[in-house]
Protein backbone atom coordinates (compact mmCIF):
# COMPACT_ATOMS: atom_id res chain seq x y z
CA MET A 1 -15.16 3.01 10.39
CA ILE A 2 -18.90 2.49 9.74
CA GLY A 3 -20.31 5.65 8.18
CA LYS A 4 -17.27 6.77 6.71
CA GLY A 5 -16.73 7.58 2.90
CA LYS A 6 -14.07 5.38 1.08
CA SER A 7 -11.51 7.79 0.64
CA GLU A 8 -11.75 9.03 4.13
CA THR A 9 -11.14 5.25 5.30
CA GLU A 10 -8.35 4.87 2.93
CA ILE A 11 -6.62 8.00 4.45
CA GLU A 12 -7.33 6.97 7.65
CA GLU A 13 -5.60 3.64 7.43
CA LEU A 14 -2.69 5.25 5.67
CA GLY A 15 -2.20 7.71 8.45
CA GLU A 16 -2.30 4.62 10.80
CA LEU A 17 0.38 2.91 9.05
CA ALA A 18 2.41 5.94 8.87
CA GLU A 19 1.98 6.65 12.72
CA CYS A 20 3.32 3.21 13.19
CA PHE A 21 6.57 4.29 11.67
CA THR A 22 6.80 7.90 13.13
CA LYS A 23 5.93 6.60 16.52
CA GLY A 24 8.03 3.60 16.46
CA LYS A 25 5.29 1.12 17.04
CA SER A 26 5.93 -2.64 16.99
CA LYS A 27 6.37 -5.00 14.03
CA ASN A 28 2.88 -6.53 15.08
CA GLU A 29 1.42 -3.22 14.89
CA LYS A 30 2.76 -2.13 11.50
CA ALA A 31 1.49 -5.81 10.19
CA GLU A 32 -1.96 -5.02 11.50
CA GLU A 33 -2.09 -1.93 9.61
CA LEU A 34 -0.70 -3.35 6.32
CA ALA A 35 -3.37 -5.90 6.51
CA ASP A 36 -6.07 -3.27 6.98
CA ILE A 37 -4.90 -1.69 3.70
CA LEU A 38 -4.74 -5.03 1.92
CA ILE A 39 -8.52 -5.71 2.93
CA LEU A 40 -9.22 -2.40 1.42
CA ILE A 41 -7.60 -3.02 -1.53
CA PHE A 42 -8.96 -6.46 -2.10
CA GLY A 43 -12.63 -5.28 -1.46
CA HIS A 44 -12.05 -2.47 -3.84
CA SER A 45 -10.82 -4.66 -6.55
CA ILE A 46 -14.02 -7.00 -6.23
CA ALA A 47 -16.35 -3.85 -6.26
CA MET A 48 -14.62 -2.64 -9.37
CA ASP A 49 -14.29 -6.19 -11.04
CA VAL A 50 -10.46 -5.92 -11.60
CA ASP A 51 -8.44 -8.69 -11.79
CA LEU A 52 -5.97 -7.69 -9.18
CA GLU A 53 -3.41 -10.61 -10.11
CA GLU A 54 -3.10 -9.58 -13.68
CA ALA A 55 -2.78 -5.82 -12.74
CA PHE A 56 -0.34 -6.67 -10.40
CA ASN A 57 1.94 -8.82 -12.79
CA LYS A 58 1.54 -5.90 -15.27
CA LYS A 59 2.91 -3.48 -12.92
CA MET A 60 5.74 -5.88 -11.85
CA GLU A 61 6.91 -6.28 -15.30
CA ILE A 62 7.14 -2.43 -15.56
CA ILE A 63 9.05 -2.05 -11.98
CA MET A 64 11.45 -4.77 -12.74
CA LYS A 65 12.72 -2.72 -15.60
CA ARG A 66 13.50 0.39 -13.30
CA PRO A 67 16.64 1.09 -11.64
CA ALA A 68 16.41 0.18 -7.91
CA ILE A 69 17.48 2.91 -5.32
CA LYS A 70 18.57 2.14 -1.86
CA GLY A 71 16.23 3.78 0.69
CA ASP A 72 15.88 3.85 4.44
CA LEU A 73 13.38 0.95 4.15
CA GLY A 74 15.16 -1.03 1.56
CA ILE A 75 15.33 -1.16 -2.16
CA ARG A 76 12.82 1.34 -3.83
CA VAL A 77 11.79 1.18 -7.58
CA THR A 78 9.65 4.09 -7.55
CA GLU A 79 9.78 6.17 -11.11
CA TYR A 80 11.33 9.38 -10.12
CA LYS A 81 10.62 12.36 -12.21
CA LYS A 82 13.76 14.65 -13.00
């Protein structure tokens, strides 16, 4: 991934994670791709001087007030627009 722009790197990692699901890859392969995305998130939070724990907790407060919807991958709390 050396020499790629930040946006291109994130898109590639998300694509690799999606591929794990669409191609039925193993749980270990899915975990590796999730770890890659987590590393990118930590790197961005450091570079942007963002308190990731604080941002996460604020977002969780919002999410926990939303109704849960059962989906293929479990419970979803995405805010759906009507």
